[in-house]
């Protein structure tokens, strides 16, 4: 259902209002919809509800939608990312009318008489338009998943400590059926019961190994609560990640959804193009999946693995990458270690002291002379933004840079 020209004009005229009152509207929306539909607490991220991240993210999305209502192509990447996540959480068509009802009611509750019948009609049409776009795309993703149409029980077959803060979980389906082969770089959602919340909760984890039909591997960082001294910003503990670390052991059962995500290496495109993998912290997990897949397929294309870690103790898969780099002439690796002793430089993985600085590896690692080179970046939002901007300053076109965006934030 398309909007009329008049409705488009009305929506665009409300952009300043959405920017000013959006977070109040979305906070009201979440409170009301969850009070009336408590089962939805099993879907919505309770941590992001408590810290306000989810209302802020929805407010930003509404403002972006309103500002681009006459040019939705601008939002195609963001919509695709949302649909992929929705499919990983089994969001259904019947959820959309519920959300629409309470969102529009929240607008009326916050804006009062300023929400005229004409504005309400325009926003109703705008919501229904976006909902249908998402329903159609998500239906396609569900069809692609085949018979896997609900949460599936997986056993933790193996739990392996990869570094001081990252542990791998090898997940095997309880029903013993072969697993669908994912695209390297994609993620799964893992669902567990959280006693502190009283609800089921799900989080997305990148698959960290090559595709195979027997198991999925995720490599999870322990997230302790802390305060970042440089910005005096509190960081909450990772509820699901720490539950996996502390409470889930080999033999335990978790629930898993099919692989999803638009961040992946397409093995059927640009077969010979150089691949540059840039990561920080636990952002290495999809990179290891891509790397292992390229090894498995015996790719001879040039591959650069560039990673940043706080210390060597937290750097997972260091020995694995070192072994690969020593045995494959087309693969080279650099690891920037923030706290690296002056005399500690590993080979063939070249360790560099300090924060990641792409200018230091510009000539050796980035393959800037090849316009077909593809770049993958995963890590904290600020890191991804900085690396992407640096690559663009070096002359890399934005369409060759892929960013993995998790959580409620957006890489710019």
Protein backbone atom coordinates (compact mmCIF):
# COMPACT_ATOMS: atom_id res chain seq x y z
CA UNK A 1 0.00 0.00 0.00
CA UNK A 2 1.67 3.19 -1.20
CA UNK A 3 1.26 6.57 0.41
CA UNK A 4 -0.42 9.48 -1.35
CA UNK A 5 1.71 12.52 -2.21
CA UNK A 6 -0.12 14.43 0.52
CA UNK A 7 0.67 11.75 3.10
CA UNK A 8 4.34 11.79 2.08
CA UNK A 9 4.43 15.55 2.59
CA UNK A 10 2.81 15.18 6.01
CA UNK A 11 5.30 12.51 7.12
CA UNK A 12 8.28 14.61 6.01
CA UNK A 13 6.85 17.63 7.82
CA UNK A 14 6.74 15.64 11.07
CA UNK A 15 10.48 14.85 11.03
CA UNK A 16 11.37 17.62 13.54
CA UNK A 17 8.62 16.41 15.87
CA UNK A 18 9.85 12.81 15.68
CA UNK A 19 13.41 13.97 16.32
CA UNK A 20 12.32 15.93 19.40
CA UNK A 21 9.77 13.57 20.92
CA UNK A 22 10.76 10.26 19.35
CA UNK A 23 12.43 8.70 22.37
CA UNK A 24 9.54 9.69 24.63
CA UNK A 25 7.14 8.11 22.13
CA UNK A 26 9.11 4.89 21.81
CA UNK A 27 9.69 4.58 25.57
CA UNK A 28 5.92 4.95 26.07
CA UNK A 29 5.31 2.43 23.29
CA UNK A 30 7.53 -0.25 24.80
CA UNK A 31 6.03 0.15 28.26
CA UNK A 32 2.48 -0.09 26.98
CA UNK A 33 2.99 -2.94 24.53
CA UNK A 34 4.90 -5.06 27.05
CA UNK A 35 2.41 -4.38 29.84
CA UNK A 36 -0.41 -5.54 27.58
CA UNK A 37 1.52 -8.37 25.90
CA UNK A 38 3.97 -9.80 28.47
CA UNK A 39 4.89 -12.72 26.19
CA UNK A 40 6.73 -10.22 23.99
CA UNK A 41 9.29 -9.87 26.79
CA UNK A 42 10.68 -13.16 25.49
CA UNK A 43 11.45 -11.45 22.17
CA UNK A 44 12.59 -7.96 23.16
CA UNK A 45 16.07 -7.54 24.60
CA UNK A 46 15.49 -6.84 28.29
CA UNK A 47 18.91 -5.29 28.82
CA UNK A 48 18.30 -2.77 26.05
CA UNK A 49 14.87 -2.06 27.49
CA UNK A 50 16.36 -1.28 30.90
CA UNK A 51 19.19 0.92 29.66
CA UNK A 52 17.06 2.75 27.11
CA UNK A 53 19.06 1.63 24.09
CA UNK A 54 16.09 0.01 22.36
CA UNK A 55 13.77 3.04 22.60
CA UNK A 56 16.58 5.30 21.35
CA UNK A 57 17.27 2.98 18.43
CA UNK A 58 13.61 2.78 17.43
CA UNK A 59 13.31 6.55 17.69
CA UNK A 60 16.26 6.98 15.35
CA UNK A 61 14.78 4.47 12.92
CA UNK A 62 11.44 6.31 12.88
CA UNK A 63 13.17 9.63 12.20
CA UNK A 64 15.23 8.11 9.37
CA UNK A 65 12.14 6.50 7.87
CA UNK A 66 10.21 9.77 7.98
CA UNK A 67 13.08 11.75 6.46
CA UNK A 68 13.43 9.28 3.59
CA UNK A 69 9.80 8.34 3.10
CA UNK A 70 10.02 9.47 -0.54
CA UNK A 71 13.27 7.59 -1.21
CA UNK A 72 13.18 4.28 0.63
CA UNK A 73 16.11 2.92 -1.38
CA UNK A 74 18.36 4.92 0.97
CA UNK A 75 17.17 2.69 3.81
CA UNK A 76 17.45 -0.64 1.98
CA UNK A 77 20.58 -1.80 3.81
CA UNK A 78 19.12 -0.93 7.22
CA UNK A 79 15.81 -2.62 6.39
CA UNK A 80 17.61 -5.74 5.20
CA UNK A 81 19.64 -5.87 8.41
CA UNK A 82 16.47 -5.56 10.51
CA UNK A 83 14.65 -8.23 8.51
CA UNK A 84 17.56 -10.64 8.88
CA UNK A 85 17.50 -10.15 12.64
CA UNK A 86 13.71 -10.46 12.76
CA UNK A 87 13.96 -13.78 10.91
CA UNK A 88 16.54 -14.99 13.42
CA UNK A 89 14.03 -14.22 16.20
CA UNK A 90 11.02 -15.73 14.38
CA UNK A 91 9.13 -12.44 14.19
CA UNK A 92 5.79 -13.26 12.55
CA UNK A 93 3.29 -11.23 10.48
CA UNK A 94 0.85 -11.26 13.39
CA UNK A 95 3.33 -9.28 15.51
CA UNK A 96 3.18 -6.24 13.23
CA UNK A 97 -0.43 -5.14 13.93
CA UNK A 98 0.31 -5.31 17.66
CA UNK A 99 3.37 -3.10 17.30
CA UNK A 100 1.51 -0.70 15.02
CA UNK A 101 -1.42 -0.34 17.41
CA UNK A 102 0.70 0.53 20.42
CA UNK A 103 3.16 2.69 18.50
CA UNK A 104 0.42 4.89 17.06
CA UNK A 105 -1.32 5.04 20.44
CA UNK A 106 1.96 6.14 22.02
CA UNK A 107 2.21 8.94 19.47
CA UNK A 108 -1.23 10.13 20.50
CA UNK A 109 -0.43 9.80 24.18
CA UNK A 110 2.73 11.92 23.87
CA UNK A 111 1.68 14.44 21.22
CA UNK A 112 -1.93 14.89 22.26
CA UNK A 113 -3.94 17.25 20.05
CA UNK A 114 -0.87 17.87 17.88
CA UNK A 115 -1.47 14.43 16.38
CA UNK A 116 -4.27 15.53 14.08
CA UNK A 117 -6.44 12.99 12.22
CA UNK A 118 -4.53 13.78 9.01
CA UNK A 119 -1.16 13.14 10.66
CA UNK A 120 -2.44 9.95 12.30
CA UNK A 121 -3.77 8.68 8.97
CA UNK A 122 -0.45 9.44 7.27
CA UNK A 123 1.56 7.66 9.96
CA UNK A 124 -0.83 4.70 9.90
CA UNK A 125 -0.28 4.36 6.16
CA UNK A 126 3.48 4.81 6.59
CA UNK A 127 3.66 2.13 9.27
CA UNK A 128 1.57 -0.31 7.23
CA UNK A 129 3.79 0.29 4.20
CA UNK A 130 6.98 -0.49 6.11
CA UNK A 131 5.40 -3.45 7.89
CA UNK A 132 4.41 -5.01 4.57
CA UNK A 133 7.91 -4.52 3.15
CA UNK A 134 9.35 -6.33 6.15
CA UNK A 135 6.72 -9.08 6.21
CA UNK A 136 7.39 -9.86 2.54
CA UNK A 137 11.17 -9.97 2.96
CA UNK A 138 10.97 -12.04 6.14
CA UNK A 139 8.63 -14.51 4.42
CA UNK A 140 11.32 -14.98 1.79
CA UNK A 141 13.94 -15.63 4.48
CA UNK A 142 11.68 -18.18 6.16
CA UNK A 143 11.22 -19.98 2.85
CA UNK A 144 14.98 -20.08 2.37
CA UNK A 145 15.34 -21.69 5.82
CA UNK A 146 13.25 -24.63 4.63
CA UNK A 147 11.86 -26.93 7.33
CA UNK A 148 13.55 -25.04 10.17
CA UNK A 149 10.58 -22.92 11.25
CA UNK A 150 10.96 -22.65 15.04
CA UNK A 151 13.55 -22.67 17.81
CA UNK A 152 15.55 -25.90 17.66
CA UNK A 153 17.25 -27.68 20.54
CA UNK A 154 21.04 -27.91 20.34
CA UNK A 155 23.41 -29.66 22.71
CA UNK A 156 26.66 -28.03 23.78
CA UNK A 157 28.93 -30.81 22.51
CA UNK A 158 32.17 -29.07 23.40
CA UNK A 159 33.24 -25.94 25.27
CA UNK A 160 36.75 -24.67 24.48
CA UNK A 161 38.54 -21.71 26.07
CA UNK A 162 40.14 -19.71 23.24
CA UNK A 163 41.58 -16.84 25.32
CA UNK A 164 41.23 -15.33 28.77
CA UNK A 165 37.81 -13.89 27.83
CA UNK A 166 36.57 -15.83 24.78
CA UNK A 167 35.17 -19.36 24.85
CA UNK A 168 33.95 -21.42 21.90
CA UNK A 169 30.76 -23.48 22.06
CA UNK A 170 30.30 -26.35 19.61
CA UNK A 171 26.55 -26.77 19.15
CA UNK A 172 25.06 -29.97 17.72
CA UNK A 173 21.35 -30.44 16.87
CA UNK A 174 19.58 -32.78 19.27
CA UNK A 175 17.49 -34.22 16.44
CA UNK A 176 20.65 -35.27 14.61
CA UNK A 177 19.49 -33.87 11.28
CA UNK A 178 22.09 -32.30 8.96
CA UNK A 179 22.51 -28.57 9.38
CA UNK A 180 22.03 -26.12 6.51
CA UNK A 181 25.25 -24.65 5.21
CA UNK A 182 25.53 -20.98 6.11
CA UNK A 183 27.41 -18.24 4.31
CA UNK A 184 30.74 -17.46 6.05
CA UNK A 185 30.23 -14.36 8.18
CA UNK A 186 26.61 -15.03 9.13
CA UNK A 187 25.23 -15.44 12.66
CA UNK A 188 22.74 -17.50 14.62
CA UNK A 189 20.50 -16.50 17.51
CA UNK A 190 20.88 -18.45 20.75
CA UNK A 191 18.01 -18.47 23.24
CA UNK A 192 18.24 -19.32 26.94
CA UNK A 193 16.11 -18.71 30.01
CA UNK A 194 17.40 -15.89 32.23
CA UNK A 195 16.21 -16.27 35.84
CA UNK A 196 17.05 -12.64 36.71
CA UNK A 197 14.61 -11.47 34.03
CA UNK A 198 12.12 -14.32 34.28
CA UNK A 199 11.98 -14.56 30.49
CA UNK A 200 13.61 -16.30 27.59
CA UNK A 201 16.24 -14.09 25.97
CA UNK A 202 18.07 -14.31 22.66
CA UNK A 203 21.33 -12.91 21.38
CA UNK A 204 23.05 -13.06 18.02
CA UNK A 205 26.48 -14.68 17.71
CA UNK A 206 28.60 -14.88 14.59
CA UNK A 207 29.47 -18.39 13.51
CA UNK A 208 33.21 -18.77 13.92
CA UNK A 209 34.05 -21.81 11.81
CA UNK A 210 33.55 -22.97 8.24
CA UNK A 211 30.12 -24.28 7.24
CA UNK A 212 29.47 -27.95 7.93
CA UNK A 213 26.44 -30.17 8.47
CA UNK A 214 27.37 -31.51 11.92
CA UNK A 215 27.81 -28.54 14.25
CA UNK A 216 27.77 -24.77 14.56
CA UNK A 217 30.54 -23.03 16.48
CA UNK A 218 30.13 -19.70 18.23
CA UNK A 219 32.94 -18.00 20.15
CA UNK A 220 31.57 -15.86 22.95
CA UNK A 221 33.27 -13.05 24.83
CA UNK A 222 32.68 -12.77 28.54
CA UNK A 223 31.26 -9.27 29.17
CA UNK A 224 31.79 -8.09 32.74
CA UNK A 225 30.27 -4.84 33.95
CA UNK A 226 32.81 -2.03 34.01
CA UNK A 227 33.29 1.69 33.59
CA UNK A 228 35.42 2.97 30.73
CA UNK A 229 37.67 5.51 32.50
CA UNK A 230 38.48 7.52 29.39
CA UNK A 231 34.82 8.50 28.93
CA UNK A 232 33.40 7.60 32.36
CA UNK A 233 30.86 5.37 30.61
CA UNK A 234 29.36 2.31 32.31
CA UNK A 235 29.26 -0.91 30.31
CA UNK A 236 26.71 -3.45 31.46
CA UNK A 237 27.51 -7.10 31.91
CA UNK A 238 26.55 -9.35 29.01
CA UNK A 239 23.62 -11.28 30.44
CA UNK A 240 23.38 -14.03 27.84
CA UNK A 241 27.11 -14.24 27.12
CA UNK A 242 27.92 -14.60 30.80
CA UNK A 243 25.14 -17.14 31.25
CA UNK A 244 26.78 -19.23 28.56
CA UNK A 245 30.19 -18.84 30.21
CA UNK A 246 29.09 -19.46 33.79
CA UNK A 247 26.01 -21.67 33.66
CA UNK A 248 26.07 -23.67 30.44
CA UNK A 249 28.29 -26.72 30.24
CA UNK A 250 28.94 -29.58 27.85
CA UNK A 251 25.77 -31.61 27.50
CA UNK A 252 23.45 -28.70 28.28
CA UNK A 253 20.72 -27.65 25.85
CA UNK A 254 20.22 -24.24 24.25
CA UNK A 255 17.82 -23.19 21.52
CA UNK A 256 19.06 -21.96 18.16
CA UNK A 257 17.53 -20.33 15.08
CA UNK A 258 18.75 -20.72 11.47
CA UNK A 259 21.77 -18.74 10.25
CA UNK A 260 20.95 -15.23 9.04
CA UNK A 261 22.77 -12.00 8.28
CA UNK A 262 23.76 -9.88 5.30
CA UNK A 263 27.45 -9.74 6.34
CA UNK A 264 29.12 -12.58 4.47
CA UNK A 265 31.64 -13.46 1.77
CA UNK A 266 29.90 -14.59 -1.39
CA UNK A 267 32.11 -17.41 -2.62
CA UNK A 268 30.50 -17.30 -6.05
CA UNK A 269 31.40 -13.67 -6.75
CA UNK A 270 34.82 -12.12 -7.33
CA UNK A 271 36.45 -15.52 -6.91
CA UNK A 272 39.98 -14.20 -7.42
CA UNK A 273 39.60 -10.82 -5.70
CA UNK A 274 41.77 -10.08 -2.67
CA UNK A 275 39.96 -10.27 0.67
CA UNK A 276 40.91 -8.00 3.58
CA UNK A 277 39.55 -8.96 7.01
CA UNK A 278 39.72 -6.16 9.61
CA UNK A 279 38.54 -6.79 13.18
CA UNK A 280 38.87 -5.78 16.80
CA UNK A 281 38.18 -7.81 19.93
CA UNK A 282 35.53 -10.48 19.54
CA UNK A 283 34.82 -9.02 16.09
CA UNK A 284 37.29 -11.61 14.83
CA UNK A 285 34.66 -14.38 14.96
CA UNK A 286 33.10 -13.89 11.50
CA UNK A 287 36.59 -13.26 10.11
CA UNK A 288 37.79 -16.65 11.33
CA UNK A 289 34.73 -18.21 9.70
CA UNK A 290 35.57 -16.52 6.40
CA UNK A 291 39.25 -17.44 6.74
CA UNK A 292 38.53 -21.10 7.54
CA UNK A 293 36.09 -21.31 4.64
CA UNK A 294 38.63 -19.93 2.19
CA UNK A 295 41.16 -22.48 3.43
CA UNK A 296 38.62 -25.29 3.10
CA UNK A 297 37.84 -24.29 -0.49
CA UNK A 298 41.58 -24.04 -1.27
CA UNK A 299 41.28 -20.45 -2.40
CA UNK A 300 44.46 -18.97 -3.85
CA UNK A 301 43.28 -15.35 -3.73
CA UNK A 302 45.34 -12.93 -1.60
CA UNK A 303 43.96 -12.74 1.95
CA UNK A 304 44.91 -10.23 4.65
CA UNK A 305 43.89 -10.77 8.26
CA UNK A 306 44.28 -7.58 10.34
CA UNK A 307 43.19 -7.69 13.96
CA UNK A 308 43.35 -5.47 17.06
CA UNK A 309 43.47 -6.82 20.62
CA UNK A 310 44.02 -5.27 24.05
CA UNK A 311 46.64 -7.87 24.92
CA UNK A 312 47.90 -11.22 23.69
CA UNK A 313 46.02 -12.92 26.55
CA UNK A 314 42.65 -11.87 25.12
CA UNK A 315 43.51 -12.54 21.47
CA UNK A 316 41.58 -15.68 20.52
CA UNK A 317 42.68 -17.94 17.65
CA UNK A 318 46.15 -16.35 17.56
CA UNK A 319 47.91 -19.72 17.21
CA UNK A 320 45.35 -20.89 14.65
CA UNK A 321 45.88 -17.84 12.44
CA UNK A 322 49.64 -18.12 12.91
CA UNK A 323 49.57 -21.71 11.69
CA UNK A 324 47.51 -20.77 8.64
CA UNK A 325 49.72 -17.81 7.75
CA UNK A 326 52.83 -20.00 7.99
CA UNK A 327 51.45 -22.70 5.70
CA UNK A 328 49.58 -20.64 3.08
CA UNK A 329 51.62 -18.32 0.87
CA UNK A 330 48.56 -16.28 -0.14
CA UNK A 331 47.60 -15.43 3.46
CA UNK A 332 49.27 -12.75 5.56
CA UNK A 333 48.37 -11.54 9.03
CA UNK A 334 48.97 -8.52 11.25
CA UNK A 335 47.81 -8.16 14.86
CA UNK A 336 47.86 -4.79 16.62
CA UNK A 337 48.24 -5.36 20.35
CA UNK A 338 47.58 -2.36 22.58
CA UNK A 339 49.67 -3.69 25.47
CA UNK A 340 52.52 -5.45 23.71
CA UNK A 341 55.98 -5.81 25.28
CA UNK A 342 58.60 -4.12 23.14
CA UNK A 343 60.49 -7.36 22.46
CA UNK A 344 57.40 -9.49 21.73
CA UNK A 345 56.85 -9.67 18.00
CA UNK A 346 55.48 -12.92 16.64
CA UNK A 347 56.03 -14.53 13.26
CA UNK A 348 54.55 -15.22 10.77
CA UNK A 349 51.73 -13.23 12.39
CA UNK A 350 53.30 -9.79 12.60
CA UNK A 351 52.44 -8.21 15.95
CA UNK A 352 52.38 -4.42 16.07
CA UNK A 353 52.27 -2.37 19.26
CA UNK A 354 49.41 0.05 19.85
CA UNK A 355 45.98 0.67 18.40
CA UNK A 356 45.18 -0.35 14.86
CA UNK A 357 46.65 2.07 12.32
CA UNK A 358 45.95 1.01 8.75
CA UNK A 359 48.56 3.42 7.42
CA UNK A 360 51.21 1.13 8.94
CA UNK A 361 50.07 -1.79 6.77
CA UNK A 362 48.76 0.25 3.85
CA UNK A 363 51.29 -0.99 1.31
CA UNK A 364 51.51 -4.61 2.44
CA UNK A 365 48.01 -5.58 3.55
CA UNK A 366 45.29 -3.52 1.88
CA UNK A 367 45.72 -4.33 -1.84
CA UNK A 368 44.72 -0.80 -2.74
CA UNK A 369 46.03 -1.21 -6.28
CA UNK A 370 43.33 -3.80 -7.03
CA UNK A 371 39.89 -2.23 -7.50
CA UNK A 372 38.19 -5.60 -6.96
CA UNK A 373 39.48 -6.03 -3.38
CA UNK A 374 36.68 -6.55 -0.84
CA UNK A 375 36.94 -5.40 2.77
CA UNK A 376 35.15 -6.83 5.82
CA UNK A 377 35.13 -4.94 9.13
CA UNK A 378 33.77 -6.13 12.48
CA UNK A 379 34.27 -4.68 15.95
CA UNK A 380 32.92 -1.87 18.14
CA UNK A 381 30.91 0.77 16.29
CA UNK A 382 33.50 3.52 16.62
CA UNK A 383 36.24 1.19 15.40
CA UNK A 384 34.24 0.19 12.33
CA UNK A 385 33.45 3.79 11.48
CA UNK A 386 37.11 4.80 11.80
CA UNK A 387 38.39 1.90 9.69
CA UNK A 388 35.75 2.48 7.01
CA UNK A 389 36.54 6.19 6.79
CA UNK A 390 40.27 5.44 6.60
CA UNK A 391 39.76 3.00 3.74
CA UNK A 392 37.67 5.56 1.89
CA UNK A 393 40.41 8.16 2.40
CA UNK A 394 42.76 5.63 0.80
CA UNK A 395 40.47 5.55 -2.24
CA UNK A 396 38.34 2.48 -1.51
CA UNK A 397 34.75 2.87 -2.71
CA UNK A 398 32.12 2.43 -0.02
CA UNK A 399 30.36 -0.38 -1.91
CA UNK A 400 33.43 -2.61 -1.40
CA UNK A 401 33.38 -2.20 2.39
CA UNK A 402 31.12 -4.47 4.46
CA UNK A 403 30.40 -3.73 8.12
CA UNK A 404 28.88 -6.12 10.67
CA UNK A 405 26.48 -4.14 12.84
CA UNK A 406 25.11 -5.89 15.95
CA UNK A 407 22.94 -4.61 18.74
CA UNK A 408 20.83 -1.48 18.51
CA UNK A 409 23.54 0.84 17.19
CA UNK A 410 24.36 1.74 13.63
CA UNK A 411 27.71 2.15 11.98
CA UNK A 412 27.70 5.37 10.01
